[in-house]
Amino acid sequence: MIADGKRGDVPVSAKAYAEALTDGIDSPFGRIPGLGADAFTVNPFTGRDSIEPFVARAESSGCGVFALVRTSNPGAADIQDLDAGGSPVFEHVAAMVDGFGERLESADGLLTGMGAVAGATEPGHLGRLRDLMPRSIFLIPGVGAQGGRPEDLGPAFRPGRAGAIVTASRSIANDPDPPAAAERLRETLWQVSEGPDQNI
């Protein structure tokens, strides 16, 4: 289960959020059970120290983290695409995400549990994001109702089929035949994820 809460706060609050999302919190009133998420989304725009408690919790509990890097909403460009010293803000965030990656890397070193939210609505950014975060798993919203096309997502899968998780809710739920819509999406993604170096 991915808990899509997009949490981000000062370190003391971030630590409490991370504990609540995973295995729980010890309080003066006893143990408060956590959500038991396998992974969760975080908002890195309050800085590296707001992400550190989530990464530390992921290390200790074996779960994953997906940081917002370049989101799928139209307003993402208002901040995430701004020039920051010669490159857009989202590229600086991607570099930060990649820096945390070593702490959550898989046993074979091919992937890391430090993932990135990368929207399908701006597929032209996916290749650059993949260059900046070669081992991160991408969580890709924006397919379907928001206008993202699964056919454009090949660069996100460059390390292999395990390199991305594509989400589609409204386009499947609102289809007259949701199971068929989900199967069409799966088939398309399976095709675009193929390539000469797609071994994962």
N, C-alpha and C. Protein backbone atom coordinates (compact mmCIF):
# COMPACT_ATOMS: atom_id res chain seq x y z
N MET A 1 0.84 -1.17 0.00
CA MET A 1 0.00 0.00 0.00
C MET A 1 0.89 1.24 0.00
N ILE A 2 0.57 2.20 -0.87
CA ILE A 2 1.25 3.49 -0.89
C ILE A 2 0.33 4.52 -0.25
N ALA A 3 0.78 5.11 0.84
CA ALA A 3 0.01 6.15 1.53
C ALA A 3 0.35 7.48 0.87
N ASP A 4 -0.59 7.99 0.10
CA ASP A 4 -0.34 9.21 -0.68
C ASP A 4 -0.76 10.43 0.13
N GLY A 5 0.04 10.76 1.15
CA GLY A 5 -0.29 11.88 2.03
C GLY A 5 0.48 13.14 1.73
N LYS A 6 1.57 13.02 0.93
CA LYS A 6 2.40 14.17 0.56
C LYS A 6 2.82 14.98 1.78
N ARG A 7 3.30 14.27 2.79
CA ARG A 7 3.70 14.93 4.04
C ARG A 7 5.02 15.65 3.88
N GLY A 8 5.19 16.71 4.61
CA GLY A 8 6.43 17.47 4.66
C GLY A 8 6.29 18.54 5.72
N ASP A 9 7.22 18.56 6.66
CA ASP A 9 7.10 19.51 7.75
C ASP A 9 8.46 19.64 8.42
N VAL A 10 8.54 20.47 9.46
CA VAL A 10 9.77 20.59 10.23
C VAL A 10 10.12 19.22 10.80
N PRO A 11 11.41 18.96 11.06
CA PRO A 11 11.84 17.60 11.40
C PRO A 11 11.06 16.91 12.51
N VAL A 12 10.74 17.60 13.61
CA VAL A 12 10.05 16.93 14.70
C VAL A 12 8.67 16.45 14.27
N SER A 13 7.96 17.26 13.48
CA SER A 13 6.64 16.85 12.99
C SER A 13 6.78 15.77 11.92
N ALA A 14 7.80 15.90 11.06
CA ALA A 14 8.02 14.90 10.01
C ALA A 14 8.28 13.53 10.62
N LYS A 15 9.03 13.49 11.73
CA LYS A 15 9.30 12.21 12.40
C LYS A 15 7.99 11.57 12.88
N ALA A 16 7.11 12.37 13.46
CA ALA A 16 5.82 11.83 13.93
C ALA A 16 4.98 11.33 12.77
N TYR A 17 4.96 12.08 11.67
CA TYR A 17 4.22 11.63 10.49
C TYR A 17 4.78 10.29 9.99
N ALA A 18 6.10 10.20 9.91
CA ALA A 18 6.73 8.97 9.41
C ALA A 18 6.38 7.78 10.28
N GLU A 19 6.40 7.97 11.59
CA GLU A 19 6.05 6.89 12.50
C GLU A 19 4.59 6.48 12.34
N ALA A 20 3.71 7.48 12.18
CA ALA A 20 2.28 7.19 12.03
C ALA A 20 1.99 6.46 10.73
N LEU A 21 2.75 6.74 9.69
CA LEU A 21 2.52 6.09 8.41
C LEU A 21 3.02 4.66 8.38
N THR A 22 3.96 4.32 9.25
CA THR A 22 4.55 2.99 9.22
C THR A 22 4.06 2.14 10.38
N ASP A 23 4.89 1.95 11.40
CA ASP A 23 4.55 0.96 12.42
C ASP A 23 4.03 1.54 13.72
N GLY A 24 3.87 2.85 13.82
CA GLY A 24 3.21 3.41 14.99
C GLY A 24 4.09 4.28 15.85
N ILE A 25 3.46 4.86 16.87
CA ILE A 25 4.09 5.85 17.74
C ILE A 25 3.96 5.41 19.18
N ASP A 26 5.07 5.53 19.93
CA ASP A 26 5.00 5.35 21.37
C ASP A 26 4.62 6.69 21.99
N SER A 27 3.52 6.72 22.72
CA SER A 27 3.04 7.95 23.33
C SER A 27 2.90 7.76 24.83
N PRO A 28 2.69 8.86 25.56
CA PRO A 28 2.45 8.73 27.01
C PRO A 28 1.22 7.88 27.33
N PHE A 29 0.36 7.69 26.34
CA PHE A 29 -0.87 6.93 26.53
C PHE A 29 -0.75 5.49 26.04
N GLY A 30 0.48 5.10 25.67
CA GLY A 30 0.70 3.76 25.16
C GLY A 30 1.03 3.76 23.69
N ARG A 31 1.09 2.58 23.13
CA ARG A 31 1.47 2.42 21.72
C ARG A 31 0.27 2.76 20.84
N ILE A 32 0.48 3.68 19.90
CA ILE A 32 -0.55 4.02 18.91
C ILE A 32 -0.17 3.34 17.61
N PRO A 33 -0.98 2.41 17.12
CA PRO A 33 -0.60 1.69 15.90
C PRO A 33 -0.51 2.63 14.70
N GLY A 34 0.39 2.27 13.80
CA GLY A 34 0.55 3.05 12.58
C GLY A 34 -0.26 2.48 11.43
N LEU A 35 -0.16 3.15 10.29
CA LEU A 35 -0.91 2.75 9.11
C LEU A 35 -0.37 1.49 8.47
N GLY A 36 0.90 1.21 8.65
CA GLY A 36 1.51 0.02 8.06
C GLY A 36 1.73 0.13 6.57
N ALA A 37 1.98 1.33 6.09
CA ALA A 37 2.18 1.54 4.65
C ALA A 37 3.48 0.89 4.17
N ASP A 38 3.45 0.40 2.93
CA ASP A 38 4.65 -0.13 2.30
C ASP A 38 5.53 1.00 1.76
N ALA A 39 4.89 2.11 1.44
CA ALA A 39 5.59 3.30 0.96
C ALA A 39 4.68 4.50 1.19
N PHE A 40 5.25 5.69 1.13
CA PHE A 40 4.46 6.90 1.32
C PHE A 40 5.05 8.03 0.50
N THR A 41 4.22 9.01 0.21
CA THR A 41 4.68 10.18 -0.54
C THR A 41 5.00 11.30 0.43
N VAL A 42 6.04 12.08 0.06
CA VAL A 42 6.46 13.20 0.89
C VAL A 42 6.66 14.44 0.01
N ASN A 43 6.51 15.59 0.63
CA ASN A 43 6.68 16.87 -0.04
C ASN A 43 8.03 17.45 0.36
N PRO A 44 9.01 17.51 -0.54
CA PRO A 44 10.36 17.94 -0.18
C PRO A 44 10.57 19.45 -0.22
N PHE A 45 9.52 20.21 -0.49
CA PHE A 45 9.71 21.64 -0.72
C PHE A 45 9.93 22.44 0.55
N THR A 46 9.96 21.78 1.72
CA THR A 46 10.40 22.44 2.94
C THR A 46 11.86 22.12 3.23
N GLY A 47 12.52 21.37 2.33
CA GLY A 47 13.95 21.15 2.43
C GLY A 47 14.36 19.76 2.87
N ARG A 48 15.68 19.53 2.77
CA ARG A 48 16.27 18.22 3.05
C ARG A 48 15.96 17.73 4.47
N ASP A 49 15.98 18.65 5.44
CA ASP A 49 15.76 18.19 6.82
C ASP A 49 14.33 17.74 7.07
N SER A 50 13.40 18.15 6.20
CA SER A 50 12.02 17.69 6.35
C SER A 50 11.83 16.29 5.76
N ILE A 51 12.77 15.85 4.92
CA ILE A 51 12.70 14.53 4.31
C ILE A 51 13.48 13.50 5.13
N GLU A 52 14.52 13.95 5.80
CA GLU A 52 15.40 13.05 6.54
C GLU A 52 14.64 12.11 7.49
N PRO A 53 13.67 12.58 8.30
CA PRO A 53 12.98 11.65 9.19
C PRO A 53 12.20 10.56 8.45
N PHE A 54 11.70 10.88 7.27
CA PHE A 54 10.98 9.87 6.48
C PHE A 54 11.95 8.82 5.94
N VAL A 55 13.10 9.28 5.47
CA VAL A 55 14.10 8.34 4.95
C VAL A 55 14.61 7.46 6.09
N ALA A 56 14.85 8.06 7.25
CA ALA A 56 15.31 7.27 8.40
C ALA A 56 14.27 6.21 8.78
N ARG A 57 12.99 6.57 8.77
CA ARG A 57 11.94 5.60 9.10
C ARG A 57 11.87 4.51 8.03
N ALA A 58 12.04 4.90 6.77
CA ALA A 58 12.04 3.90 5.70
C ALA A 58 13.20 2.92 5.87
N GLU A 59 14.35 3.43 6.27
CA GLU A 59 15.50 2.55 6.53
C GLU A 59 15.19 1.54 7.62
N SER A 60 14.59 2.00 8.69
CA SER A 60 14.37 1.11 9.83
C SER A 60 13.18 0.17 9.65
N SER A 61 12.23 0.56 8.81
CA SER A 61 11.02 -0.27 8.67
C SER A 61 10.95 -1.02 7.35
N GLY A 62 11.86 -0.75 6.44
CA GLY A 62 11.88 -1.47 5.17
C GLY A 62 10.85 -1.00 4.17
N CYS A 63 10.36 0.22 4.32
CA CYS A 63 9.38 0.72 3.36
C CYS A 63 10.04 1.69 2.39
N GLY A 64 9.27 2.23 1.48
CA GLY A 64 9.79 3.15 0.47
C GLY A 64 9.24 4.54 0.63
N VAL A 65 9.90 5.48 -0.03
CA VAL A 65 9.52 6.89 0.00
C VAL A 65 9.43 7.39 -1.44
N PHE A 66 8.37 8.12 -1.75
CA PHE A 66 8.24 8.80 -3.03
C PHE A 66 8.17 10.30 -2.78
N ALA A 67 9.19 11.03 -3.21
CA ALA A 67 9.20 12.49 -3.04
C ALA A 67 8.62 13.17 -4.27
N LEU A 68 7.81 14.20 -4.05
CA LEU A 68 7.31 14.99 -5.16
C LEU A 68 8.51 15.64 -5.85
N VAL A 69 8.64 15.42 -7.16
CA VAL A 69 9.73 16.03 -7.91
C VAL A 69 9.17 16.94 -9.00
N ARG A 70 8.39 16.37 -9.92
CA ARG A 70 7.71 17.19 -10.94
C ARG A 70 6.30 16.65 -11.06
N THR A 71 5.34 17.35 -10.46
CA THR A 71 3.98 16.83 -10.32
C THR A 71 3.17 17.02 -11.60
N SER A 72 1.97 16.43 -11.62
CA SER A 72 1.16 16.37 -12.83
C SER A 72 0.19 17.52 -12.99
N ASN A 73 -0.01 18.32 -11.94
CA ASN A 73 -1.01 19.39 -12.02
C ASN A 73 -0.49 20.57 -12.84
N PRO A 74 -1.39 21.33 -13.50
CA PRO A 74 -0.94 22.47 -14.32
C PRO A 74 -0.13 23.49 -13.53
N GLY A 75 -0.47 23.72 -12.27
CA GLY A 75 0.24 24.71 -11.48
C GLY A 75 1.65 24.31 -11.08
N ALA A 76 2.06 23.08 -11.39
CA ALA A 76 3.41 22.64 -11.05
C ALA A 76 4.45 23.58 -11.64
N ALA A 77 4.18 24.10 -12.83
CA ALA A 77 5.14 24.98 -13.50
C ALA A 77 5.36 26.27 -12.73
N ASP A 78 4.41 26.69 -11.91
CA ASP A 78 4.54 27.95 -11.17
C ASP A 78 5.79 27.98 -10.30
N ILE A 79 6.15 26.85 -9.74
CA ILE A 79 7.32 26.77 -8.85
C ILE A 79 8.34 25.76 -9.35
N GLN A 80 7.89 24.57 -9.72
CA GLN A 80 8.81 23.48 -10.02
C GLN A 80 9.63 23.70 -11.28
N ASP A 81 9.13 24.52 -12.21
CA ASP A 81 9.86 24.78 -13.45
C ASP A 81 10.68 26.07 -13.40
N LEU A 82 10.64 26.81 -12.30
CA LEU A 82 11.39 28.05 -12.20
C LEU A 82 12.89 27.80 -12.31
N ASP A 83 13.58 28.73 -12.96
CA ASP A 83 15.03 28.63 -13.06
C ASP A 83 15.64 28.88 -11.69
N ALA A 84 16.55 28.00 -11.30
CA ALA A 84 17.25 28.13 -10.02
C ALA A 84 18.74 27.90 -10.28
N GLY A 85 19.41 28.93 -10.70
CA GLY A 85 20.84 28.82 -10.95
C GLY A 85 21.17 28.06 -12.22
N GLY A 86 20.34 28.19 -13.25
CA GLY A 86 20.64 27.56 -14.53
C GLY A 86 19.89 26.27 -14.79
N SER A 87 19.18 25.76 -13.82
CA SER A 87 18.36 24.58 -14.04
C SER A 87 17.08 24.74 -13.24
N PRO A 88 16.00 24.06 -13.67
CA PRO A 88 14.73 24.23 -12.96
C PRO A 88 14.76 23.65 -11.56
N VAL A 89 13.87 24.16 -10.73
CA VAL A 89 13.77 23.70 -9.35
C VAL A 89 13.62 22.18 -9.29
N PHE A 90 12.80 21.60 -10.20
CA PHE A 90 12.57 20.15 -10.10
C PHE A 90 13.86 19.36 -10.29
N GLU A 91 14.82 19.89 -11.04
CA GLU A 91 16.09 19.18 -11.20
C GLU A 91 16.91 19.20 -9.90
N HIS A 92 16.84 20.29 -9.17
CA HIS A 92 17.51 20.35 -7.87
C HIS A 92 16.88 19.35 -6.90
N VAL A 93 15.55 19.25 -6.93
CA VAL A 93 14.86 18.29 -6.07
C VAL A 93 15.25 16.87 -6.47
N ALA A 94 15.33 16.61 -7.78
CA ALA A 94 15.74 15.28 -8.25
C ALA A 94 17.12 14.91 -7.75
N ALA A 95 18.03 15.87 -7.75
CA ALA A 95 19.39 15.60 -7.25
C ALA A 95 19.35 15.27 -5.75
N MET A 96 18.49 15.95 -5.00
CA MET A 96 18.35 15.66 -3.58
C MET A 96 17.81 14.25 -3.37
N VAL A 97 16.80 13.89 -4.15
CA VAL A 97 16.22 12.55 -4.05
C VAL A 97 17.29 11.50 -4.36
N ASP A 98 18.05 11.71 -5.41
CA ASP A 98 19.09 10.75 -5.77
C ASP A 98 20.13 10.63 -4.65
N GLY A 99 20.40 11.74 -3.98
CA GLY A 99 21.36 11.70 -2.88
C GLY A 99 20.92 10.83 -1.72
N PHE A 100 19.63 10.73 -1.49
CA PHE A 100 19.11 9.86 -0.43
C PHE A 100 19.07 8.39 -0.87
N GLY A 101 19.18 8.14 -2.17
CA GLY A 101 18.95 6.81 -2.72
C GLY A 101 19.83 5.71 -2.18
N GLU A 102 21.08 6.01 -1.91
CA GLU A 102 22.00 4.97 -1.44
C GLU A 102 21.54 4.33 -0.14
N ARG A 103 20.87 5.11 0.67
CA ARG A 103 20.43 4.59 1.98
C ARG A 103 19.31 3.57 1.86
N LEU A 104 18.60 3.57 0.73
CA LEU A 104 17.46 2.66 0.56
C LEU A 104 17.64 1.76 -0.66
N GLU A 105 18.88 1.52 -1.07
CA GLU A 105 19.06 0.75 -2.29
C GLU A 105 18.74 -0.72 -2.10
N SER A 106 18.36 -1.35 -3.20
CA SER A 106 18.04 -2.78 -3.19
C SER A 106 19.31 -3.59 -3.01
N ALA A 107 19.17 -4.86 -2.69
CA ALA A 107 20.32 -5.72 -2.43
C ALA A 107 21.25 -5.79 -3.64
N ASP A 108 20.68 -5.73 -4.85
CA ASP A 108 21.51 -5.81 -6.05
C ASP A 108 21.99 -4.44 -6.52
N GLY A 109 21.55 -3.38 -5.84
CA GLY A 109 21.99 -2.03 -6.19
C GLY A 109 21.37 -1.44 -7.43
N LEU A 110 20.42 -2.15 -8.05
CA LEU A 110 19.83 -1.66 -9.30
C LEU A 110 18.73 -0.63 -9.09
N LEU A 111 18.02 -0.75 -7.98
CA LEU A 111 16.94 0.18 -7.67
C LEU A 111 17.11 0.67 -6.24
N THR A 112 16.38 1.73 -5.91
CA THR A 112 16.38 2.25 -4.56
C THR A 112 14.95 2.48 -4.11
N GLY A 113 14.72 2.38 -2.82
CA GLY A 113 13.42 2.68 -2.26
C GLY A 113 13.14 4.16 -2.14
N MET A 114 14.09 5.00 -2.53
CA MET A 114 13.89 6.45 -2.56
C MET A 114 13.40 6.81 -3.94
N GLY A 115 12.07 6.89 -4.07
CA GLY A 115 11.45 7.10 -5.37
C GLY A 115 11.05 8.55 -5.59
N ALA A 116 10.46 8.78 -6.75
CA ALA A 116 10.09 10.13 -7.17
C ALA A 116 8.72 10.14 -7.80
N VAL A 117 7.92 11.14 -7.45
CA VAL A 117 6.66 11.39 -8.14
C VAL A 117 6.98 12.25 -9.35
N ALA A 118 6.68 11.72 -10.53
CA ALA A 118 6.98 12.40 -11.79
C ALA A 118 5.74 12.32 -12.67
N GLY A 119 5.09 13.44 -12.91
CA GLY A 119 3.81 13.45 -13.60
C GLY A 119 3.88 13.08 -15.08
N ALA A 120 2.85 12.37 -15.52
CA ALA A 120 2.74 11.95 -16.92
C ALA A 120 2.35 13.09 -17.84
N THR A 121 1.89 14.21 -17.27
CA THR A 121 1.39 15.31 -18.10
C THR A 121 2.50 16.12 -18.75
N GLU A 122 3.74 15.95 -18.31
CA GLU A 122 4.90 16.58 -18.96
C GLU A 122 5.92 15.50 -19.28
N PRO A 123 5.61 14.63 -20.24
CA PRO A 123 6.50 13.50 -20.51
C PRO A 123 7.88 13.91 -21.01
N GLY A 124 8.00 15.13 -21.53
CA GLY A 124 9.30 15.59 -21.98
C GLY A 124 10.33 15.70 -20.86
N HIS A 125 9.87 15.77 -19.62
CA HIS A 125 10.79 15.84 -18.48
C HIS A 125 11.28 14.46 -18.04
N LEU A 126 10.62 13.41 -18.44
CA LEU A 126 10.91 12.09 -17.88
C LEU A 126 12.33 11.61 -18.19
N GLY A 127 12.80 11.86 -19.39
CA GLY A 127 14.15 11.43 -19.74
C GLY A 127 15.20 12.12 -18.87
N ARG A 128 15.04 13.42 -18.67
CA ARG A 128 15.98 14.16 -17.83
C ARG A 128 15.89 13.68 -16.38
N LEU A 129 14.68 13.46 -15.90
CA LEU A 129 14.53 12.97 -14.54
C LEU A 129 15.17 11.60 -14.37
N ARG A 130 15.04 10.76 -15.38
CA ARG A 130 15.66 9.44 -15.31
C ARG A 130 17.18 9.57 -15.29
N ASP A 131 17.73 10.52 -16.05
CA ASP A 131 19.18 10.74 -16.00
C ASP A 131 19.63 11.15 -14.60
N LEU A 132 18.83 11.99 -13.94
CA LEU A 132 19.19 12.50 -12.62
C LEU A 132 18.94 11.49 -11.51
N MET A 133 18.01 10.57 -11.72
CA MET A 133 17.65 9.58 -10.69
C MET A 133 17.61 8.19 -11.32
N PRO A 134 18.77 7.66 -11.71
CA PRO A 134 18.78 6.41 -12.49
C PRO A 134 18.25 5.19 -11.75
N ARG A 135 18.28 5.19 -10.41
CA ARG A 135 17.86 3.99 -9.66
C ARG A 135 16.51 4.17 -8.97
N SER A 136 15.94 5.36 -9.04
CA SER A 136 14.67 5.61 -8.36
C SER A 136 13.50 5.00 -9.10
N ILE A 137 12.53 4.50 -8.35
CA ILE A 137 11.27 4.07 -8.93
C ILE A 137 10.40 5.32 -9.06
N PHE A 138 9.83 5.52 -10.24
CA PHE A 138 8.97 6.67 -10.46
C PHE A 138 7.52 6.28 -10.18
N LEU A 139 6.84 7.11 -9.42
CA LEU A 139 5.40 7.00 -9.23
C LEU A 139 4.78 8.04 -10.15
N ILE A 140 4.02 7.59 -11.15
CA ILE A 140 3.60 8.47 -12.24
C ILE A 140 2.08 8.67 -12.22
N PRO A 141 1.63 9.82 -11.69
CA PRO A 141 0.21 10.17 -11.79
C PRO A 141 -0.04 10.96 -13.07
N GLY A 142 -1.31 11.19 -13.35
CA GLY A 142 -1.66 12.08 -14.46
C GLY A 142 -2.06 11.39 -15.74
N VAL A 143 -2.10 10.05 -15.75
CA VAL A 143 -2.52 9.33 -16.96
C VAL A 143 -4.05 9.34 -17.03
N GLY A 144 -4.56 9.59 -18.21
CA GLY A 144 -6.01 9.51 -18.39
C GLY A 144 -6.69 10.84 -18.21
N ALA A 145 -7.43 11.01 -17.11
CA ALA A 145 -8.26 12.19 -16.90
C ALA A 145 -7.47 13.50 -16.93
N GLN A 146 -6.21 13.46 -16.49
CA GLN A 146 -5.39 14.68 -16.50
C GLN A 146 -4.71 14.92 -17.84
N GLY A 147 -4.80 13.98 -18.74
CA GLY A 147 -4.27 14.17 -20.08
C GLY A 147 -2.98 13.45 -20.40
N GLY A 148 -2.36 12.82 -19.42
CA GLY A 148 -1.14 12.06 -19.68
C GLY A 148 -1.44 10.81 -20.50
N ARG A 149 -0.53 10.51 -21.43
CA ARG A 149 -0.71 9.34 -22.31
C ARG A 149 0.30 8.26 -21.95
N PRO A 150 -0.17 7.05 -21.74
CA PRO A 150 0.77 5.97 -21.39
C PRO A 150 1.80 5.72 -22.48
N GLU A 151 1.44 6.01 -23.72
CA GLU A 151 2.37 5.79 -24.83
C GLU A 151 3.63 6.65 -24.73
N ASP A 152 3.57 7.72 -23.92
CA ASP A 152 4.69 8.67 -23.83
C ASP A 152 5.63 8.38 -22.66
N LEU A 153 5.41 7.30 -21.93
CA LEU A 153 6.11 7.11 -20.67
C LEU A 153 7.34 6.21 -20.74
N GLY A 154 7.75 5.82 -21.93
CA GLY A 154 8.90 4.92 -22.09
C GLY A 154 10.14 5.33 -21.31
N PRO A 155 10.55 6.61 -21.36
CA PRO A 155 11.78 6.99 -20.65
C PRO A 155 11.74 6.74 -19.14
N ALA A 156 10.56 6.73 -18.56
CA ALA A 156 10.46 6.49 -17.12
C ALA A 156 10.86 5.06 -16.75
N PHE A 157 10.72 4.14 -17.70
CA PHE A 157 11.00 2.73 -17.44
C PHE A 157 12.42 2.33 -17.80
N ARG A 158 13.28 3.28 -18.10
CA ARG A 158 14.58 2.95 -18.65
C ARG A 158 15.36 1.91 -17.84
N PRO A 159 15.30 1.87 -16.51
CA PRO A 159 16.01 0.78 -15.85
C PRO A 159 15.28 -0.56 -15.93
N GLY A 160 14.10 -0.58 -16.51
CA GLY A 160 13.34 -1.81 -16.62
C GLY A 160 11.91 -1.63 -16.15
N ARG A 161 11.13 -2.68 -16.28
CA ARG A 161 9.70 -2.59 -15.97
C ARG A 161 9.44 -2.29 -14.51
N ALA A 162 10.39 -2.58 -13.63
CA ALA A 162 10.22 -2.24 -12.22
C ALA A 162 10.55 -0.78 -11.93
N GLY A 163 10.92 -0.03 -12.96
CA GLY A 163 11.35 1.35 -12.76
C GLY A 163 10.24 2.35 -12.56
N ALA A 164 8.99 1.96 -12.76
CA ALA A 164 7.90 2.94 -12.62
C ALA A 164 6.60 2.24 -12.22
N ILE A 165 5.80 2.99 -11.48
CA ILE A 165 4.44 2.60 -11.12
C ILE A 165 3.52 3.69 -11.65
N VAL A 166 2.63 3.33 -12.54
CA VAL A 166 1.72 4.30 -13.16
C VAL A 166 0.37 4.21 -12.48
N THR A 167 -0.15 5.36 -12.06
CA THR A 167 -1.47 5.39 -11.43
C THR A 167 -2.49 5.98 -12.40
N ALA A 168 -3.66 5.40 -12.41
CA ALA A 168 -4.78 5.91 -13.20
C ALA A 168 -6.04 5.56 -12.43
N SER A 169 -6.78 6.56 -12.04
CA SER A 169 -7.97 6.31 -11.22
C SER A 169 -9.24 6.63 -11.99
N ARG A 170 -9.46 7.91 -12.25
CA ARG A 170 -10.72 8.32 -12.88
C ARG A 170 -10.90 7.71 -14.26
N SER A 171 -9.84 7.62 -15.04
CA SER A 171 -9.99 7.10 -16.40
C SER A 171 -10.39 5.63 -16.40
N ILE A 172 -10.06 4.92 -15.35
CA ILE A 172 -10.47 3.51 -15.24
C ILE A 172 -11.83 3.41 -14.55
N ALA A 173 -11.98 4.11 -13.43
CA ALA A 173 -13.23 4.02 -12.67
C ALA A 173 -14.42 4.53 -13.47
N ASN A 174 -14.21 5.52 -14.32
CA ASN A 174 -15.31 6.11 -15.10
C ASN A 174 -15.53 5.45 -16.45
N ASP A 175 -14.72 4.48 -16.79
CA ASP A 175 -14.89 3.77 -18.05
C ASP A 175 -16.11 2.84 -17.95
N PRO A 176 -16.86 2.66 -19.04
CA PRO A 176 -18.00 1.73 -18.98
C PRO A 176 -17.60 0.31 -18.58
N ASP A 177 -16.34 -0.06 -18.89
CA ASP A 177 -15.85 -1.39 -18.54
C ASP A 177 -14.49 -1.22 -17.84
N PRO A 178 -14.49 -0.91 -16.52
CA PRO A 178 -13.23 -0.65 -15.82
C PRO A 178 -12.18 -1.76 -15.94
N PRO A 179 -12.55 -3.06 -15.82
CA PRO A 179 -11.51 -4.08 -15.97
C PRO A 179 -10.85 -4.05 -17.34
N ALA A 180 -11.64 -3.79 -18.39
CA ALA A 180 -11.07 -3.72 -19.73
C ALA A 180 -10.17 -2.51 -19.87
N ALA A 181 -10.56 -1.38 -19.27
CA ALA A 181 -9.73 -0.18 -19.32
C ALA A 181 -8.40 -0.41 -18.61
N ALA A 182 -8.46 -1.08 -17.47
CA ALA A 182 -7.22 -1.38 -16.74
C ALA A 182 -6.32 -2.30 -17.55
N GLU A 183 -6.91 -3.27 -18.22
CA GLU A 183 -6.12 -4.20 -19.03
C GLU A 183 -5.49 -3.49 -20.22
N ARG A 184 -6.23 -2.57 -20.86
CA ARG A 184 -5.66 -1.80 -21.98
C ARG A 184 -4.46 -0.98 -21.51
N LEU A 185 -4.60 -0.35 -20.35
CA LEU A 185 -3.49 0.43 -19.80
C LEU A 185 -2.30 -0.47 -19.51
N ARG A 186 -2.54 -1.61 -18.89
CA ARG A 186 -1.45 -2.54 -18.59
C ARG A 186 -0.73 -2.97 -19.85
N GLU A 187 -1.48 -3.31 -20.89
CA GLU A 187 -0.86 -3.76 -22.14
C GLU A 187 -0.02 -2.66 -22.77
N THR A 188 -0.53 -1.44 -22.77
CA THR A 188 0.23 -0.33 -23.34
C THR A 188 1.51 -0.09 -22.56
N LEU A 189 1.42 -0.08 -21.25
CA LEU A 189 2.60 0.16 -20.43
C LEU A 189 3.62 -0.97 -20.59
N TRP A 190 3.14 -2.18 -20.73
CA TRP A 190 4.05 -3.32 -20.94
C TRP A 190 4.83 -3.12 -22.23
N GLN A 191 4.16 -2.62 -23.26
CA GLN A 191 4.83 -2.38 -24.54
C GLN A 191 5.84 -1.23 -24.45
N VAL A 192 5.45 -0.10 -23.85
CA VAL A 192 6.36 1.05 -23.83
C VAL A 192 7.52 0.82 -22.88
N SER A 193 7.39 -0.12 -21.94
CA SER A 193 8.48 -0.38 -21.02
C SER A 193 9.53 -1.31 -21.60
N GLU A 194 9.28 -1.86 -22.78
CA GLU A 194 10.23 -2.77 -23.41
C GLU A 194 11.37 -1.97 -24.03
N GLY A 195 12.53 -2.57 -24.07
CA GLY A 195 13.69 -1.92 -24.67
C GLY A 195 14.90 -2.81 -24.53
N PRO A 196 16.02 -2.47 -25.19
CA PRO A 196 17.19 -3.35 -25.17
C PRO A 196 17.82 -3.52 -23.80
N ASP A 197 17.62 -2.53 -22.89
CA ASP A 197 18.22 -2.66 -21.57
C ASP A 197 17.19 -2.80 -20.46
N GLN A 198 16.00 -3.28 -20.82
CA GLN A 198 14.94 -3.42 -19.84
C GLN A 198 15.01 -4.81 -19.20
N ASN A 199 15.89 -4.95 -18.24
CA ASN A 199 16.12 -6.27 -17.65
C ASN A 199 15.55 -6.47 -16.26
N ILE A 200 15.07 -5.41 -15.64
CA ILE A 200 14.57 -5.55 -14.26
C ILE A 200 13.10 -5.93 -14.28
